[in-house]
N, C-alpha and C. Protein backbone atom coordinates (compact mmCIF):
# COMPACT_ATOMS: atom_id res chain seq x y z
N MET A 1 -22.81 11.89 -1.13
CA MET A 1 -22.29 11.28 0.14
C MET A 1 -21.14 12.01 0.58
N THR A 2 -21.00 12.39 1.82
CA THR A 2 -19.81 13.13 2.49
C THR A 2 -18.85 12.07 2.83
N ALA A 3 -17.64 12.33 2.74
CA ALA A 3 -16.61 11.38 3.04
C ALA A 3 -16.23 11.65 4.62
N ASN A 4 -16.10 10.64 5.31
CA ASN A 4 -15.68 10.67 6.85
C ASN A 4 -14.32 10.99 6.86
N PRO A 5 -14.06 12.10 7.63
CA PRO A 5 -12.67 12.65 7.91
C PRO A 5 -11.72 11.56 8.47
N ALA A 6 -12.23 10.49 9.11
CA ALA A 6 -11.36 9.52 9.52
C ALA A 6 -10.89 8.49 8.62
N ASP A 7 -11.63 8.28 7.57
CA ASP A 7 -11.23 7.52 6.43
C ASP A 7 -10.03 7.73 5.94
N PRO A 8 -9.27 6.92 5.24
CA PRO A 8 -7.96 7.16 4.66
C PRO A 8 -8.09 7.92 3.28
N ARG A 9 -7.21 8.80 3.14
CA ARG A 9 -7.06 9.70 2.09
C ARG A 9 -5.89 9.47 1.22
N ILE A 10 -5.95 9.35 -0.14
CA ILE A 10 -4.76 9.27 -0.85
C ILE A 10 -4.42 10.87 -1.13
N THR A 11 -3.31 11.27 -0.58
CA THR A 11 -2.95 12.62 -0.71
C THR A 11 -1.92 12.96 -1.96
N GLN A 12 -1.28 11.97 -2.33
CA GLN A 12 -0.37 12.15 -3.63
C GLN A 12 -0.21 10.70 -4.23
N GLN A 13 -0.16 10.63 -5.54
CA GLN A 13 0.43 9.39 -6.27
C GLN A 13 1.21 9.84 -7.37
N TYR A 14 2.33 9.15 -7.62
CA TYR A 14 3.32 9.53 -8.62
C TYR A 14 4.15 8.15 -8.76
N ARG A 15 5.06 8.17 -9.71
CA ARG A 15 5.97 7.12 -10.00
C ARG A 15 7.26 7.52 -9.48
N ASP A 16 8.03 6.46 -8.98
CA ASP A 16 9.39 6.80 -8.32
C ASP A 16 10.41 6.47 -9.47
N ARG A 17 11.68 6.55 -9.06
CA ARG A 17 12.67 6.25 -10.12
C ARG A 17 12.83 4.94 -10.56
N ASN A 18 12.16 3.95 -9.65
CA ASN A 18 12.23 2.58 -10.09
C ASN A 18 10.87 2.07 -10.89
N GLN A 19 10.14 3.29 -11.26
CA GLN A 19 8.78 2.99 -12.04
C GLN A 19 7.79 2.31 -11.05
N ARG A 20 7.89 2.44 -9.81
CA ARG A 20 6.78 1.80 -9.04
C ARG A 20 5.94 2.91 -8.84
N MET A 21 4.48 2.65 -8.74
CA MET A 21 3.43 3.70 -8.37
C MET A 21 3.52 3.82 -6.98
N VAL A 22 3.65 5.10 -6.52
CA VAL A 22 3.73 5.38 -5.10
C VAL A 22 2.34 5.97 -4.70
N TYR A 23 1.76 5.72 -3.63
CA TYR A 23 0.44 6.29 -3.10
C TYR A 23 0.79 6.73 -1.73
N GLU A 24 0.54 8.03 -1.56
CA GLU A 24 0.84 8.56 -0.18
C GLU A 24 -0.64 8.65 0.40
N VAL A 25 -0.77 7.86 1.63
CA VAL A 25 -2.06 7.60 2.36
C VAL A 25 -1.95 8.22 3.66
N ARG A 26 -2.94 9.10 3.87
CA ARG A 26 -3.22 9.65 5.16
C ARG A 26 -4.27 9.10 5.90
N HIS A 27 -3.91 8.24 7.16
CA HIS A 27 -4.81 7.46 7.88
C HIS A 27 -4.40 7.58 9.20
N GLY A 28 -4.50 8.69 9.87
CA GLY A 28 -4.15 8.93 11.28
C GLY A 28 -2.59 9.16 11.24
N THR A 29 -1.88 8.20 10.52
CA THR A 29 -0.60 8.40 10.24
C THR A 29 -0.24 8.44 8.76
N SER A 30 0.80 8.85 8.34
CA SER A 30 1.17 8.89 6.97
C SER A 30 1.98 7.53 6.60
N LEU A 31 1.31 6.93 5.46
CA LEU A 31 1.77 5.64 5.05
C LEU A 31 2.00 5.72 3.54
N LEU A 32 3.23 5.06 2.95
CA LEU A 32 3.44 5.14 1.72
C LEU A 32 3.18 3.47 1.17
N VAL A 33 2.36 3.48 0.21
CA VAL A 33 2.16 2.26 -0.41
C VAL A 33 2.70 2.21 -1.82
N LEU A 34 3.62 1.36 -2.12
CA LEU A 34 4.09 1.24 -3.47
C LEU A 34 3.81 -0.14 -4.27
N VAL A 35 3.36 0.21 -5.61
CA VAL A 35 2.92 -1.03 -6.44
C VAL A 35 3.99 -1.14 -7.48
N SER A 36 4.28 -2.42 -7.64
CA SER A 36 5.40 -2.66 -8.62
C SER A 36 4.78 -3.83 -9.44
N ALA A 37 5.07 -3.82 -10.84
CA ALA A 37 4.82 -4.64 -11.81
C ALA A 37 6.14 -5.35 -12.07
N GLN A 38 6.14 -6.67 -12.28
CA GLN A 38 7.41 -7.56 -12.24
C GLN A 38 8.26 -6.98 -13.26
N SER A 39 7.82 -6.56 -14.43
CA SER A 39 8.70 -6.14 -15.55
C SER A 39 7.81 -4.99 -16.22
N ALA A 40 8.57 -3.94 -16.68
CA ALA A 40 7.90 -2.97 -17.44
C ALA A 40 7.12 -3.35 -18.68
N ASP A 41 7.57 -4.47 -19.36
CA ASP A 41 6.94 -4.91 -20.59
C ASP A 41 5.55 -5.68 -20.34
N THR A 42 5.36 -6.30 -19.13
CA THR A 42 4.26 -7.17 -18.90
C THR A 42 3.80 -6.76 -17.38
N THR A 43 2.39 -7.09 -17.25
CA THR A 43 1.97 -6.81 -15.85
C THR A 43 1.45 -8.15 -15.32
N ASP A 44 2.29 -9.26 -15.63
CA ASP A 44 1.82 -10.59 -15.21
C ASP A 44 1.78 -10.90 -13.70
N GLU A 45 2.60 -10.10 -13.09
CA GLU A 45 2.84 -10.20 -11.48
C GLU A 45 3.01 -8.85 -10.88
N TRP A 46 2.46 -8.68 -9.65
CA TRP A 46 2.49 -7.51 -8.80
C TRP A 46 2.94 -7.79 -7.51
N ARG A 47 3.49 -6.71 -6.85
CA ARG A 47 3.91 -6.58 -5.52
C ARG A 47 3.59 -5.35 -4.90
N PHE A 48 2.96 -5.36 -3.68
CA PHE A 48 2.75 -4.23 -2.87
C PHE A 48 3.76 -4.18 -1.84
N GLU A 49 4.10 -2.85 -1.39
CA GLU A 49 4.99 -2.61 -0.26
C GLU A 49 4.29 -1.50 0.48
N ALA A 50 4.62 -1.32 1.59
CA ALA A 50 4.01 -0.35 2.50
C ALA A 50 5.19 0.06 3.56
N HIS A 51 5.21 1.29 4.03
CA HIS A 51 6.11 1.58 5.20
C HIS A 51 5.51 3.00 5.62
N PRO A 52 5.62 3.32 6.93
CA PRO A 52 5.22 4.52 7.29
C PRO A 52 6.21 5.73 6.91
N SER A 53 5.61 7.02 6.45
CA SER A 53 6.43 7.88 5.73
C SER A 53 7.60 8.12 6.52
N GLU A 54 7.53 8.31 7.90
CA GLU A 54 8.51 8.72 8.71
C GLU A 54 9.58 7.56 8.99
N SER A 55 9.42 6.31 8.59
CA SER A 55 10.26 5.14 8.93
C SER A 55 10.30 4.32 7.66
N PRO A 56 11.12 4.81 6.58
CA PRO A 56 11.03 4.18 5.45
C PRO A 56 11.96 2.86 5.52
N GLN A 57 12.63 2.62 6.53
CA GLN A 57 13.33 1.39 6.87
C GLN A 57 12.58 0.22 7.41
N LEU A 58 11.34 0.60 7.70
CA LEU A 58 10.33 -0.53 8.20
C LEU A 58 9.25 -1.03 7.16
N VAL A 59 9.92 -1.59 5.93
CA VAL A 59 9.16 -1.75 4.82
C VAL A 59 8.52 -3.12 5.09
N VAL A 60 7.24 -3.30 4.68
CA VAL A 60 6.52 -4.50 4.63
C VAL A 60 6.26 -4.76 3.14
N ALA A 61 6.86 -5.87 2.63
CA ALA A 61 6.65 -6.14 1.13
C ALA A 61 6.02 -7.46 1.05
N GLY A 62 5.12 -7.47 0.36
CA GLY A 62 4.36 -8.74 -0.02
C GLY A 62 5.00 -9.53 -1.17
N GLN A 63 4.37 -10.53 -1.40
CA GLN A 63 4.99 -11.53 -2.50
C GLN A 63 4.31 -11.29 -3.86
N TRP A 64 5.11 -11.44 -4.91
CA TRP A 64 4.55 -11.33 -6.46
C TRP A 64 3.40 -12.17 -6.45
N GLN A 65 2.38 -11.72 -7.00
CA GLN A 65 1.21 -12.21 -7.12
C GLN A 65 0.57 -11.98 -8.64
N ALA A 66 -0.31 -12.73 -8.96
CA ALA A 66 -0.89 -12.82 -10.35
C ALA A 66 -1.85 -11.39 -10.52
N THR A 67 -2.36 -11.14 -9.47
CA THR A 67 -3.31 -9.79 -9.53
C THR A 67 -2.86 -8.74 -8.47
N ARG A 68 -3.25 -7.67 -8.59
CA ARG A 68 -3.01 -6.66 -7.61
C ARG A 68 -3.79 -6.84 -6.34
N ALA A 69 -4.92 -7.40 -6.52
CA ALA A 69 -5.61 -7.52 -5.32
C ALA A 69 -5.03 -8.50 -4.40
N ARG A 70 -4.55 -9.75 -5.13
CA ARG A 70 -3.74 -10.76 -4.25
C ARG A 70 -2.59 -10.13 -3.66
N ALA A 71 -1.86 -9.22 -4.36
CA ALA A 71 -0.64 -8.72 -3.89
C ALA A 71 -0.91 -7.77 -2.84
N PHE A 72 -1.85 -7.04 -2.77
CA PHE A 72 -2.26 -6.28 -1.78
C PHE A 72 -2.55 -7.08 -0.50
N ASP A 73 -3.28 -8.22 -0.70
CA ASP A 73 -3.66 -9.05 0.51
C ASP A 73 -2.30 -9.67 1.11
N THR A 74 -1.39 -10.15 0.37
CA THR A 74 -0.22 -10.58 0.98
C THR A 74 0.61 -9.74 1.76
N MET A 75 0.64 -8.43 1.38
CA MET A 75 1.28 -7.26 2.04
C MET A 75 0.54 -6.97 3.36
N ARG A 76 -0.76 -6.78 3.19
CA ARG A 76 -1.58 -6.37 4.38
C ARG A 76 -1.51 -7.56 5.30
N ASP A 77 -1.35 -8.74 4.91
CA ASP A 77 -1.35 -10.01 5.90
C ASP A 77 -0.04 -9.92 6.70
N LEU A 78 0.97 -9.52 6.04
CA LEU A 78 2.34 -9.44 6.67
C LEU A 78 2.31 -8.38 7.59
N TRP A 79 1.69 -7.30 7.21
CA TRP A 79 1.76 -6.17 8.09
C TRP A 79 1.10 -6.39 9.27
N ILE A 80 -0.14 -7.02 9.27
CA ILE A 80 -0.81 -7.44 10.41
C ILE A 80 -0.23 -8.34 11.32
N GLU A 81 0.56 -9.42 10.64
CA GLU A 81 1.22 -10.62 11.25
C GLU A 81 2.57 -9.91 12.04
N ARG A 82 3.36 -9.06 11.37
CA ARG A 82 4.64 -8.56 11.87
C ARG A 82 4.46 -7.22 12.53
N GLY A 83 3.28 -6.44 12.30
CA GLY A 83 3.39 -5.10 12.63
C GLY A 83 3.52 -4.73 14.20
N GLU A 84 2.92 -5.39 14.88
CA GLU A 84 3.02 -5.15 16.39
C GLU A 84 4.47 -5.20 16.88
N ALA A 85 5.18 -6.34 16.47
CA ALA A 85 6.40 -6.56 16.78
C ALA A 85 7.45 -5.56 16.27
N LEU A 86 7.28 -4.96 15.17
CA LEU A 86 7.93 -3.91 14.54
C LEU A 86 7.60 -2.41 14.85
N GLY A 87 6.38 -2.38 15.65
CA GLY A 87 6.09 -1.14 16.15
C GLY A 87 5.28 -0.23 15.22
N LEU A 88 4.70 -1.01 14.30
CA LEU A 88 3.91 -0.35 13.30
C LEU A 88 2.59 -0.03 13.74
N ALA A 89 2.04 1.22 13.12
CA ALA A 89 0.58 1.50 13.47
C ALA A 89 -0.40 0.41 12.98
N ARG A 90 -1.49 0.45 13.98
CA ARG A 90 -2.71 -0.47 13.33
C ARG A 90 -3.42 0.40 12.18
N ILE A 91 -3.70 -0.37 11.28
CA ILE A 91 -4.22 0.24 10.04
C ILE A 91 -5.59 -0.37 9.64
N ASP A 92 -6.54 0.33 9.46
CA ASP A 92 -7.74 -0.41 8.83
C ASP A 92 -7.58 -0.57 7.46
N TRP A 93 -7.02 -1.84 7.07
CA TRP A 93 -6.60 -2.18 5.89
C TRP A 93 -7.94 -2.24 4.77
N ALA A 94 -9.15 -2.62 5.29
CA ALA A 94 -10.32 -2.58 4.41
C ALA A 94 -10.41 -1.11 3.93
N LYS A 95 -10.27 -0.13 4.69
CA LYS A 95 -10.54 1.27 4.21
C LYS A 95 -9.44 1.69 3.40
N VAL A 96 -8.22 1.44 3.68
CA VAL A 96 -7.14 1.66 2.79
C VAL A 96 -7.40 0.88 1.54
N ALA A 97 -7.83 -0.24 1.50
CA ALA A 97 -8.05 -0.89 0.11
C ALA A 97 -9.13 -0.25 -0.61
N ALA A 98 -10.18 0.35 0.02
CA ALA A 98 -11.18 0.87 -0.62
C ALA A 98 -10.65 2.20 -1.19
N ALA A 99 -9.80 3.02 -0.61
CA ALA A 99 -9.17 4.23 -0.86
C ALA A 99 -8.22 4.03 -2.24
N LEU A 100 -7.56 2.84 -2.20
CA LEU A 100 -6.53 2.38 -3.22
C LEU A 100 -7.45 2.03 -4.52
N THR A 101 -8.52 1.40 -4.16
CA THR A 101 -9.52 0.95 -5.35
C THR A 101 -10.20 2.09 -6.10
N ALA A 102 -10.48 3.05 -5.30
CA ALA A 102 -10.92 4.38 -5.79
C ALA A 102 -10.08 5.03 -6.87
N VAL A 103 -8.67 4.87 -6.69
CA VAL A 103 -7.80 5.37 -7.66
C VAL A 103 -7.14 4.32 -8.60
N ARG A 104 -7.85 3.12 -8.43
CA ARG A 104 -7.44 1.99 -9.54
C ARG A 104 -6.04 1.47 -9.19
N ALA A 105 -5.67 1.51 -7.96
CA ALA A 105 -4.36 0.94 -7.69
C ALA A 105 -4.58 -0.71 -7.41
N ILE A 106 -5.71 -0.94 -6.92
CA ILE A 106 -6.09 -2.33 -6.82
C ILE A 106 -7.16 -2.72 -7.87
């Protein structure tokens, strides 16, 4: 099956200095998605954050949740709720979720 060029792509993934996983997503615009575990010792709770690559001050951070899927959902919902007022791009979050699932981020 051939990938649709309009679908989001993970272009890079790495750990930042705070030990968060960072996923650079290309989906019309460049988007950084960061995944944090509440502590390095356990993975009891997770949080997702996202921001446009060119505007790191426009961070949308979800709440701590018991699973990565729930954490992603809270961040996605906040982006959708607040995005227009903040001037954030419209994102097809279902497709972004599929791309993140493919690299086991969710």
